Amino acid sequence: MASSTHKAVKPLILNGFGMTVVGHVSAGLWRHPSDRANTYTSLEYWTSLAKLLDDGGFDALFLADALGHLDVFRGTPDASLRTAAQSPVNDPLLLVSAMAAATRHLGFGITVSTTYEQPYLLARKFTTLDHLTKGRIAWNVVTSVLESAAKNLGLERQIDHDERYDLAQEFLDVTYKLWEGSWEDGAVVHDREKGLYTDPSKVHPIGHHGKYFSVPGAHLAQPSPQRTPLLFQAGTSPRGREFAARNGEVVFLGGTSTASIRRSVEAIRARAVELGRAPDAIKFITAVTVITGATDEEAEAKHKDYLSYTSVEAALALFSAWTGVDWSQYPLDHPLEYIETNAGRSALANLTRIDADRRWTVAGIAEYIGLGGIHPKLVGSPQRIADELERIADESGVDGFNLAYVVSPGTFEDFIEFVVPELRRRGRIRERGAPGTTIRERFQGAGQRLLRDDHPGTAARDRSNWGTIVEAAE
């Protein structure tokens, strides 16, 4: 049993983890009578959820996204559509301003792909949201995995895995120039008497002409509270780790064991230090699914009830999309093995390479991810859950958690009612900052409103570096 009575403790990062869908990572649980995620198309669902998390002591709401149908399983999207496995899916970015207006402290981590956006326009969107939220916006930078997305967005096939990261790095280099250097401090004068709103001499075209993007002009929007949104990143492939070490401020890691997660933490941190960043420059989080109640027996009863609603078909539709492998082609007792694909490589690697101590079959993984996806599942009383969260944090080296739901908002309501008071008693819930505290300050420390000086993106503040930023990243 973990204990916090004889050692210094630090607050844990707590994020709600969701997606603008009926069914996120608990396959089939939308059918449970208590689940309300089927109202995801209403603004009231999201503002209510945001208020719940804000009042309950959470730091942020982290929203995943997908840009294509899940059509790897059996070669069609039928299974995902039939079982509501991340289909249909709405745009998460459009929810933020309403949720921000309904809350005071909660941050918002929104997933947007670099593969199918243009940096010039996406930079404006995030600057706008940073203004409207008063600095509570974060960007989860992803490169996309779905072949269906590529085909519907003008490509004959998905860009190769590692090249997607090359493109993503140039994408970020462009946004760094737009956010950090295009507009000087003091560019906005707002002088009514002189009739001068912006001093043109302090607004600079970035003159970017790279392999993937040409952006000659200046940023469209004036600087926002954070300039650059807090940067999340997820990925444990070798190329993903390199990208995270260079750019990430918060890195989201998967894994079914603390040992596998710790190996990723140590590898990314070591590479970040080699790149000139401080050892504490990156915060690490992992996902957990928590089923809790007043007692262990009550939590176990909920767990048993939830299991009766899981869907093997939905689980395999999800896993096929995540890995790029059609698992319908394998018998259920087939041992899971690593298969190199052009899709995301973290999910399969976590199970077959990084977490090599465990032996999986197709049926075993379908059962496992039916509740909460490829994340640890914690079932028990508040004390047991708090013990387990502390143990995972201590053994893996992560700074906090994305809490995945089984039923929404019930999973979050239970966690807030039962577990948050116990974590608060142990000093594991972060104290509220003053109104106006940015999400970067919540994650990186008081006063850290802007990118840390050791972050590579700050090189864009010096316009003499603009011609060398891309070359340095290659």
Protein backbone atom coordinates (compact mmCIF):
# COMPACT_ATOMS: atom_id res chain seq x y z
CA MET A 1 0.00 0.00 0.00
CA ALA A 2 1.34 3.41 -0.95
CA SER A 3 1.71 5.95 1.81
CA SER A 4 2.04 9.70 1.72
CA THR A 5 2.43 10.37 5.45
CA HIS A 6 6.22 10.18 5.71
CA LYS A 7 7.39 11.76 2.48
CA ALA A 8 6.94 14.97 0.59
CA VAL A 9 4.18 14.75 -1.97
CA LYS A 10 3.31 16.81 -5.00
CA PRO A 11 -0.16 17.41 -6.41
CA LEU A 12 -1.17 15.14 -9.25
CA ILE A 13 -2.28 16.51 -12.61
CA LEU A 14 -5.89 15.43 -13.17
CA ASN A 15 -7.49 15.70 -16.60
CA GLY A 16 -10.87 14.48 -17.72
CA PHE A 17 -10.35 12.40 -20.88
CA GLY A 18 -12.98 12.30 -23.58
CA MET A 19 -13.88 12.78 -27.21
CA THR A 20 -16.77 14.39 -29.08
CA VAL A 21 -18.42 11.02 -29.64
CA VAL A 22 -20.98 8.66 -28.12
CA GLY A 23 -18.42 5.95 -27.33
CA HIS A 24 -14.80 6.85 -26.58
CA VAL A 25 -12.58 4.02 -25.25
CA SER A 26 -15.09 1.92 -23.29
CA ALA A 27 -16.48 -0.12 -26.14
CA GLY A 28 -20.25 -0.56 -25.99
CA LEU A 29 -20.88 1.25 -22.69
CA TRP A 30 -23.05 3.88 -24.39
CA ARG A 31 -25.84 1.29 -23.96
CA HIS A 32 -25.64 1.49 -20.16
CA PRO A 33 -28.78 3.14 -18.70
CA SER A 34 -26.74 5.73 -16.78
CA ASP A 35 -24.63 6.88 -19.72
CA ARG A 36 -25.43 10.34 -21.12
CA ALA A 37 -22.73 10.60 -23.77
CA ASN A 38 -25.41 10.11 -26.42
CA THR A 39 -26.28 13.78 -25.77
CA TYR A 40 -22.80 14.79 -26.98
CA THR A 41 -24.35 16.86 -29.79
CA SER A 42 -25.83 19.31 -27.28
CA LEU A 43 -23.88 22.25 -25.91
CA GLU A 44 -25.46 21.67 -22.50
CA TYR A 45 -23.75 18.28 -22.21
CA TRP A 46 -20.32 19.87 -22.62
CA THR A 47 -20.85 22.95 -20.47
CA SER A 48 -22.29 20.74 -17.71
CA LEU A 49 -19.31 18.37 -17.93
CA ALA A 50 -16.86 21.27 -17.88
CA LYS A 51 -18.52 22.76 -14.78
CA LEU A 52 -18.45 19.36 -13.06
CA LEU A 53 -14.71 18.97 -13.66
CA ASP A 54 -13.97 22.60 -12.79
CA ASP A 55 -15.81 22.40 -9.47
CA GLY A 56 -14.36 18.95 -8.79
CA GLY A 57 -10.71 19.99 -8.76
CA PHE A 58 -9.63 18.81 -12.22
CA ASP A 59 -6.93 20.71 -14.08
CA ALA A 60 -8.15 20.24 -17.64
CA LEU A 61 -10.45 18.45 -20.04
CA PHE A 62 -8.41 16.59 -22.64
CA LEU A 63 -10.31 15.85 -25.87
CA ALA A 64 -9.10 13.33 -28.43
CA ASP A 65 -10.15 13.45 -32.08
CA ALA A 66 -10.28 11.37 -35.27
CA LEU A 67 -10.51 12.64 -38.83
CA GLY A 68 -11.74 9.50 -40.55
CA HIS A 69 -14.01 6.51 -40.19
CA LEU A 70 -12.68 3.45 -38.39
CA ASP A 71 -12.71 1.14 -41.39
CA VAL A 72 -9.76 -1.19 -40.82
CA PHE A 73 -11.77 -3.92 -39.06
CA ARG A 74 -13.29 -6.14 -41.79
CA GLY A 75 -12.36 -3.42 -44.29
CA THR A 76 -15.47 -1.29 -43.64
CA PRO A 77 -16.68 1.27 -41.08
CA ASP A 78 -19.79 -0.83 -40.38
CA ALA A 79 -18.66 -2.19 -37.01
CA SER A 80 -17.66 1.21 -35.65
CA LEU A 81 -20.89 2.80 -36.87
CA ARG A 82 -23.03 -0.01 -35.53
CA THR A 83 -21.39 0.02 -32.09
CA ALA A 84 -20.71 3.79 -31.85
CA ALA A 85 -16.98 3.12 -31.56
CA GLN A 86 -15.72 6.69 -32.02
CA SER A 87 -18.23 7.14 -34.84
CA PRO A 88 -19.87 9.55 -35.50
CA VAL A 89 -17.46 12.25 -34.29
CA ASN A 90 -17.77 16.04 -34.04
CA ASP A 91 -15.12 18.77 -34.02
CA PRO A 92 -13.77 19.38 -30.47
CA LEU A 93 -12.26 22.80 -31.16
CA LEU A 94 -15.69 24.39 -31.59
CA LEU A 95 -16.74 23.53 -28.02
CA VAL A 96 -14.00 25.38 -26.19
CA SER A 97 -15.34 28.93 -26.00
CA ALA A 98 -18.68 27.78 -24.56
CA MET A 99 -17.01 25.56 -21.97
CA ALA A 100 -14.59 28.33 -21.06
CA ALA A 101 -17.46 30.75 -20.49
CA ALA A 102 -19.03 28.23 -18.08
CA THR A 103 -15.86 27.72 -15.99
CA ARG A 104 -13.19 29.70 -14.15
CA HIS A 105 -10.14 27.47 -13.82
CA LEU A 106 -10.46 24.42 -16.07
CA GLY A 107 -8.03 24.16 -18.97
CA PHE A 108 -8.79 22.58 -22.34
CA GLY A 109 -6.40 20.28 -24.20
CA ILE A 110 -7.64 19.87 -27.76
CA THR A 111 -6.32 17.37 -30.29
CA VAL A 112 -5.54 18.74 -33.76
CA SER A 113 -3.53 16.99 -36.46
CA THR A 114 -0.63 18.66 -38.23
CA THR A 115 -1.04 16.38 -41.26
CA TYR A 116 -4.23 17.94 -42.60
CA GLU A 117 -4.20 21.53 -41.34
CA GLN A 118 -2.40 24.66 -42.46
CA PRO A 119 -0.20 26.29 -39.80
CA TYR A 120 -1.12 29.83 -40.83
CA LEU A 121 -4.82 29.27 -40.10
CA LEU A 122 -4.45 26.91 -37.14
CA ALA A 123 -2.18 29.43 -35.42
CA ARG A 124 -5.00 31.99 -35.64
CA LYS A 125 -7.55 29.51 -34.24
CA PHE A 126 -5.43 28.74 -31.19
CA THR A 127 -4.55 32.40 -30.65
CA THR A 128 -8.26 33.22 -30.74
CA LEU A 129 -9.07 30.49 -28.21
CA ASP A 130 -6.18 31.58 -26.00
CA HIS A 131 -7.70 35.07 -25.91
CA LEU A 132 -11.24 33.82 -25.27
CA THR A 133 -10.17 31.40 -22.52
CA LYS A 134 -7.70 33.88 -20.99
CA GLY A 135 -4.84 31.47 -21.44
CA ARG A 136 -6.55 28.15 -20.68
CA ILE A 137 -5.98 26.44 -24.04
CA ALA A 138 -3.57 23.60 -24.87
CA TRP A 139 -2.88 21.83 -28.15
CA ASN A 140 -2.43 18.07 -28.27
CA VAL A 141 -0.22 17.76 -31.35
CA VAL A 142 -0.85 14.57 -33.33
CA THR A 143 0.10 13.35 -36.80
CA SER A 144 -2.98 11.13 -37.48
CA VAL A 145 -3.11 7.39 -38.12
CA LEU A 146 -6.21 6.69 -40.20
CA GLU A 147 -5.88 5.80 -43.88
CA SER A 148 -9.51 6.82 -44.34
CA ALA A 149 -8.66 10.36 -43.23
CA ALA A 150 -5.87 10.61 -45.79
CA LYS A 151 -8.10 9.46 -48.64
CA ASN A 152 -10.89 11.87 -47.74
CA LEU A 153 -8.49 14.78 -47.41
CA GLY A 154 -7.00 14.60 -50.86
CA LEU A 155 -4.25 11.99 -50.56
CA GLU A 156 -4.06 8.65 -52.34
CA ARG A 157 -2.57 7.08 -49.21
CA GLN A 158 -1.43 8.03 -45.76
CA ILE A 159 1.94 9.78 -45.56
CA ASP A 160 4.61 7.45 -44.16
CA HIS A 161 4.83 7.32 -40.37
CA ASP A 162 8.20 9.04 -39.91
CA GLU A 163 7.58 11.59 -42.65
CA ARG A 164 4.42 12.68 -40.83
CA TYR A 165 6.68 13.72 -37.96
CA ASP A 166 8.99 15.59 -40.36
CA LEU A 167 5.95 17.48 -41.61
CA ALA A 168 4.77 18.06 -38.03
CA GLN A 169 8.12 19.53 -37.03
CA GLU A 170 8.04 22.05 -39.85
CA PHE A 171 4.41 22.80 -38.99
CA LEU A 172 5.42 23.65 -35.43
CA ASP A 173 8.40 25.67 -36.61
CA VAL A 174 6.01 27.83 -38.62
CA THR A 175 3.63 28.30 -35.69
CA TYR A 176 6.52 29.16 -33.37
CA LYS A 177 7.50 31.96 -35.74
CA LEU A 178 3.91 33.19 -35.94
CA TRP A 179 3.21 33.00 -32.21
CA GLU A 180 6.58 33.90 -30.72
CA GLY A 181 8.20 36.29 -33.15
CA SER A 182 5.85 37.80 -35.72
CA TRP A 183 4.36 40.34 -33.32
CA GLU A 184 6.70 42.06 -30.89
CA ASP A 185 5.70 42.91 -27.36
CA GLY A 186 4.17 46.36 -27.51
CA ALA A 187 3.01 46.02 -31.10
CA VAL A 188 -0.55 46.73 -30.02
CA VAL A 189 -0.57 50.38 -28.97
CA HIS A 190 -4.32 51.06 -28.81
CA ASP A 191 -3.79 54.82 -28.78
CA ARG A 192 -7.12 56.54 -29.47
CA GLU A 193 -5.66 60.04 -29.53
CA LYS A 194 -3.07 59.19 -32.18
CA GLY A 195 -5.42 56.88 -34.04
CA LEU A 196 -2.85 54.11 -33.78
CA TYR A 197 -3.97 50.61 -32.84
CA THR A 198 -1.00 48.53 -34.07
CA ASP A 199 2.53 49.77 -34.68
CA PRO A 200 3.36 48.30 -38.12
CA SER A 201 7.09 48.45 -37.42
CA LYS A 202 6.61 45.78 -34.72
CA VAL A 203 4.72 43.29 -36.89
CA HIS A 204 6.95 41.09 -39.02
CA PRO A 205 6.31 38.69 -41.91
CA ILE A 206 7.94 35.37 -41.11
CA GLY A 207 9.18 34.62 -44.64
CA HIS A 208 8.95 30.86 -44.22
CA HIS A 209 9.61 28.73 -47.30
CA GLY A 210 10.14 25.09 -46.39
CA LYS A 211 9.67 21.60 -47.76
CA TYR A 212 6.00 21.36 -46.76
CA PHE A 213 4.80 24.91 -46.10
CA SER A 214 5.22 28.37 -47.55
CA VAL A 215 4.10 31.15 -45.21
CA PRO A 216 5.64 34.49 -46.19
CA GLY A 217 3.37 36.79 -44.17
CA ALA A 218 2.82 37.89 -40.59
CA HIS A 219 0.54 36.29 -38.02
CA LEU A 220 -3.06 37.41 -38.45
CA ALA A 221 -3.83 37.77 -34.73
CA GLN A 222 -2.32 39.88 -31.99
CA PRO A 223 -0.45 38.04 -29.21
CA SER A 224 -2.56 36.15 -26.68
CA PRO A 225 -1.88 35.49 -22.97
CA GLN A 226 0.34 32.45 -23.61
CA ARG A 227 1.36 33.29 -27.19
CA THR A 228 2.00 29.57 -27.83
CA PRO A 229 -0.65 27.27 -26.33
CA LEU A 230 0.57 24.68 -23.86
CA LEU A 231 1.83 21.80 -26.00
CA PHE A 232 0.73 18.23 -25.36
CA GLN A 233 2.16 15.36 -27.34
CA ALA A 234 1.65 11.60 -27.38
CA GLY A 235 3.72 8.91 -29.04
CA THR A 236 6.27 6.33 -27.98
CA SER A 237 7.66 5.21 -31.33
CA PRO A 238 11.32 6.25 -31.76
CA ARG A 239 10.29 9.14 -34.02
CA GLY A 240 7.44 10.07 -31.70
CA ARG A 241 9.80 10.20 -28.71
CA GLU A 242 12.18 12.49 -30.58
CA PHE A 243 9.33 14.81 -31.49
CA ALA A 244 8.03 14.81 -27.91
CA ALA A 245 11.47 15.48 -26.43
CA ARG A 246 11.93 18.47 -28.72
CA ASN A 247 8.47 20.04 -28.54
CA GLY A 248 6.32 18.60 -25.78
CA GLU A 249 5.57 20.40 -22.54
CA VAL A 250 3.22 17.65 -21.39
CA VAL A 251 3.66 14.16 -22.84
CA PHE A 252 0.82 11.63 -22.73
CA LEU A 253 2.11 8.06 -22.50
CA GLY A 254 0.29 4.77 -22.87
CA GLY A 255 1.23 1.46 -21.31
CA THR A 256 -0.27 -1.31 -19.23
CA SER A 257 2.58 -1.52 -16.72
CA THR A 258 4.45 1.07 -14.67
CA ALA A 259 7.75 -0.37 -15.89
CA SER A 260 6.87 0.22 -19.54
CA ILE A 261 5.71 3.77 -18.82
CA ARG A 262 8.87 4.54 -16.82
CA ARG A 263 11.07 3.42 -19.70
CA SER A 264 9.30 5.90 -21.97
CA VAL A 265 9.55 8.68 -19.38
CA GLU A 266 13.27 8.13 -18.92
CA ALA A 267 13.99 7.91 -22.64
CA ILE A 268 12.11 11.09 -23.53
CA ARG A 269 13.53 13.03 -20.58
CA ALA A 270 17.09 11.97 -21.42
CA ARG A 271 16.68 13.06 -25.03
CA ALA A 272 15.15 16.39 -23.95
CA VAL A 273 18.21 17.05 -21.79
CA GLU A 274 20.47 16.25 -24.77
CA LEU A 275 18.51 18.89 -26.70
CA GLY A 276 19.28 21.49 -24.02
CA ARG A 277 16.09 21.31 -22.01
CA ALA A 278 15.98 21.02 -18.22
CA PRO A 279 15.14 17.62 -16.66
CA ASP A 280 11.85 19.01 -15.33
CA ALA A 281 10.86 20.76 -18.57
CA ILE A 282 8.36 18.06 -19.52
CA LYS A 283 5.46 16.81 -17.42
CA PHE A 284 4.29 13.26 -18.07
CA ILE A 285 0.79 11.87 -17.79
CA THR A 286 -0.78 8.49 -18.43
CA ALA A 287 -4.39 7.38 -18.69
CA VAL A 288 -6.34 5.33 -16.17
CA THR A 289 -9.91 4.14 -15.93
CA VAL A 290 -11.33 4.30 -12.41
CA ILE A 291 -14.40 2.49 -11.15
CA THR A 292 -15.09 3.46 -7.55
CA GLY A 293 -17.71 3.62 -4.85
CA ALA A 294 -17.97 4.03 -1.09
CA THR A 295 -16.56 0.51 -0.55
CA ASP A 296 -14.60 -2.09 -2.47
CA GLU A 297 -17.76 -4.19 -2.72
CA GLU A 298 -19.75 -1.33 -4.24
CA ALA A 299 -17.00 -0.66 -6.79
CA GLU A 300 -16.76 -4.35 -7.71
CA ALA A 301 -20.51 -4.50 -8.25
CA LYS A 302 -20.29 -1.54 -10.65
CA HIS A 303 -17.40 -3.19 -12.46
CA LYS A 304 -19.35 -6.41 -12.92
CA ASP A 305 -22.34 -4.45 -14.19
CA TYR A 306 -20.24 -2.47 -16.67
CA LEU A 307 -18.59 -5.61 -18.04
CA SER A 308 -21.98 -6.91 -19.14
CA TYR A 309 -22.25 -4.01 -21.62
CA THR A 310 -18.85 -4.30 -23.32
CA SER A 311 -18.70 -5.17 -27.02
CA VAL A 312 -15.99 -7.37 -28.54
CA GLU A 313 -16.87 -6.05 -31.99
CA ALA A 314 -16.49 -2.44 -30.87
CA ALA A 315 -13.24 -3.20 -29.06
CA LEU A 316 -11.69 -4.85 -32.11
CA ALA A 317 -12.92 -2.03 -34.37
CA LEU A 318 -11.06 0.40 -32.11
CA PHE A 319 -7.92 -1.72 -31.84
CA SER A 320 -7.80 -2.32 -35.60
CA ALA A 321 -7.98 1.43 -36.25
CA TRP A 322 -5.32 2.23 -33.64
CA THR A 323 -2.88 -0.35 -34.99
CA GLY A 324 -3.68 -0.47 -38.72
CA VAL A 325 -4.20 -4.24 -38.48
CA ASP A 326 -7.49 -5.95 -39.35
CA TRP A 327 -7.84 -8.24 -36.35
CA SER A 328 -10.91 -9.91 -37.87
CA GLN A 329 -8.41 -11.86 -39.99
CA TYR A 330 -7.01 -13.62 -36.92
CA PRO A 331 -8.66 -16.24 -34.68
CA LEU A 332 -9.55 -15.01 -31.21
CA ASP A 333 -6.93 -17.28 -29.62
CA HIS A 334 -4.17 -15.95 -31.91
CA PRO A 335 -1.18 -14.57 -29.95
CA LEU A 336 -0.70 -10.84 -30.40
CA GLU A 337 2.52 -9.94 -32.19
CA TYR A 338 4.12 -6.71 -33.31
CA ILE A 339 3.28 -5.92 -36.93
CA GLU A 340 4.90 -2.92 -38.61
CA THR A 341 2.24 -0.69 -40.14
CA ASN A 342 1.97 2.88 -41.35
CA ALA A 343 -0.60 3.67 -38.65
CA GLY A 344 0.08 4.62 -35.04
CA ARG A 345 2.69 2.29 -33.57
CA SER A 346 2.42 3.10 -29.87
CA ALA A 347 -0.64 0.98 -29.03
CA LEU A 348 0.69 -2.29 -30.43
CA ALA A 349 4.25 -1.61 -29.27
CA ASN A 350 3.03 -0.95 -25.73
CA LEU A 351 1.47 -4.40 -25.62
CA THR A 352 3.99 -6.52 -27.53
CA ARG A 353 7.37 -4.82 -27.16
CA ILE A 354 7.42 -2.31 -24.34
CA ASP A 355 5.18 -4.47 -22.13
CA ALA A 356 6.81 -7.73 -23.20
CA ASP A 357 6.20 -9.49 -19.87
CA ARG A 358 2.53 -9.97 -20.68
CA ARG A 359 1.28 -12.43 -23.29
CA TRP A 360 -1.80 -11.34 -25.19
CA THR A 361 -4.30 -12.96 -27.55
CA VAL A 362 -6.82 -11.24 -29.80
CA ALA A 363 -9.64 -12.25 -27.43
CA GLY A 364 -7.64 -11.09 -24.42
CA ILE A 365 -7.03 -7.64 -25.82
CA ALA A 366 -10.69 -7.28 -26.85
CA GLU A 367 -11.76 -8.10 -23.31
CA TYR A 368 -9.11 -5.83 -21.79
CA ILE A 369 -9.84 -2.72 -23.85
CA GLY A 370 -13.60 -3.16 -23.54
CA LEU A 371 -13.45 -1.00 -20.42
CA GLY A 372 -11.17 2.00 -20.74
CA GLY A 373 -9.06 1.07 -23.74
CA ILE A 374 -5.34 0.30 -23.42
CA HIS A 375 -4.97 1.81 -19.98
CA PRO A 376 -4.74 0.47 -16.43
CA LYS A 377 -8.11 -0.22 -14.80
CA LEU A 378 -8.50 0.62 -11.11
CA VAL A 379 -11.47 -0.75 -9.18
CA GLY A 380 -12.08 -0.13 -5.50
CA SER A 381 -12.81 2.17 -2.59
CA PRO A 382 -11.48 5.75 -2.44
CA GLN A 383 -8.55 4.64 -0.29
CA ARG A 384 -7.61 1.82 -2.65
CA ILE A 385 -7.87 4.05 -5.72
CA ALA A 386 -5.76 6.78 -4.11
CA ASP A 387 -3.17 4.19 -3.10
CA GLU A 388 -3.02 2.87 -6.66
CA LEU A 389 -2.75 6.32 -8.24
CA GLU A 390 0.13 7.15 -5.91
CA ARG A 391 1.80 3.83 -6.66
CA ILE A 392 1.51 4.32 -10.43
CA ALA A 393 2.87 7.86 -10.19
CA ASP A 394 5.77 6.81 -7.95
CA GLU A 395 6.73 3.71 -9.95
CA SER A 396 6.29 5.14 -13.45
CA GLY A 397 7.50 8.69 -12.86
CA VAL A 398 4.40 10.34 -14.30
CA ASP A 399 3.08 13.62 -12.91
CA GLY A 400 -0.60 12.85 -13.29
CA PHE A 401 -3.41 11.21 -15.17
CA ASN A 402 -5.99 11.45 -17.91
CA LEU A 403 -9.12 9.91 -16.39
CA ALA A 404 -11.01 7.92 -19.05
CA TYR A 405 -14.71 7.40 -18.48
CA VAL A 406 -16.73 4.21 -18.57
CA VAL A 407 -20.04 6.05 -18.43
CA SER A 408 -20.36 9.81 -18.70
CA PRO A 409 -20.72 11.81 -16.58
CA GLY A 410 -21.04 9.03 -13.98
CA THR A 411 -17.36 8.03 -13.94
CA PHE A 412 -16.34 11.64 -13.29
CA GLU A 413 -19.08 12.15 -10.70
CA ASP A 414 -17.97 9.06 -8.78
CA PHE A 415 -14.32 10.09 -8.90
CA ILE A 416 -15.14 13.57 -7.62
CA GLU A 417 -17.46 12.32 -4.89
CA PHE A 418 -15.29 9.49 -3.60
CA VAL A 419 -11.65 9.84 -4.69
CA VAL A 420 -11.00 13.59 -4.84
CA PRO A 421 -11.60 14.11 -1.08
CA GLU A 422 -9.11 11.32 -0.31
CA LEU A 423 -6.53 12.76 -2.71
CA ARG A 424 -7.06 16.20 -1.24
CA ARG A 425 -6.49 14.80 2.26
CA ARG A 426 -3.17 13.41 1.02
CA GLY A 427 -2.10 16.70 -0.57
CA ARG A 428 -2.52 15.37 -4.10
CA ILE A 429 -5.05 17.92 -5.39
CA ARG A 430 -3.61 21.16 -6.71
CA GLU A 431 -4.75 24.37 -5.04
CA ARG A 432 -6.67 26.74 -7.25
CA GLY A 433 -4.67 29.55 -8.76
CA ALA A 434 -5.98 33.08 -8.91
CA PRO A 435 -8.46 33.85 -11.69
CA GLY A 436 -6.45 34.41 -14.84
CA THR A 437 -3.95 31.64 -14.12
CA THR A 438 -3.03 30.06 -17.45
CA ILE A 439 -3.02 26.34 -18.14
CA ARG A 440 0.75 26.51 -18.65
CA GLU A 441 1.15 27.93 -15.14
CA ARG A 442 -1.01 25.13 -13.73
CA PHE A 443 1.19 22.52 -15.38
CA GLN A 444 4.60 24.22 -15.41
CA GLY A 445 4.48 26.40 -12.29
CA ALA A 446 3.42 29.84 -11.11
CA GLY A 447 4.59 32.66 -13.35
CA GLN A 448 5.35 30.39 -16.33
CA ARG A 449 2.81 32.01 -18.64
CA LEU A 450 4.99 31.71 -21.75
CA LEU A 451 7.18 28.96 -23.15
CA ARG A 452 10.14 28.20 -20.90
CA ASP A 453 13.39 29.73 -22.11
CA ASP A 454 14.87 26.27 -22.73
CA HIS A 455 12.07 25.28 -25.11
CA PRO A 456 13.26 25.15 -28.75
CA GLY A 457 10.24 27.20 -29.81
CA THR A 458 11.67 30.28 -28.10
CA ALA A 459 14.36 30.48 -30.79
CA ALA A 460 11.65 32.04 -32.96
CA ARG A 461 11.65 35.12 -30.72
CA ASP A 462 14.94 36.09 -32.35
CA ARG A 463 14.10 36.84 -35.97
CA SER A 464 17.70 36.29 -37.01
CA ASN A 465 17.08 32.57 -36.30
CA TRP A 466 14.15 32.25 -38.67
CA GLY A 467 16.20 30.95 -41.54
CA THR A 468 17.83 28.22 -39.44
CA ILE A 469 14.99 26.82 -37.32
CA VAL A 470 13.94 24.20 -39.87
CA GLU A 471 17.54 23.17 -40.55
CA ALA A 472 18.20 22.70 -36.82
CA ALA A 473 15.23 20.37 -36.52
CA GLU A 474 16.30 18.14 -39.40
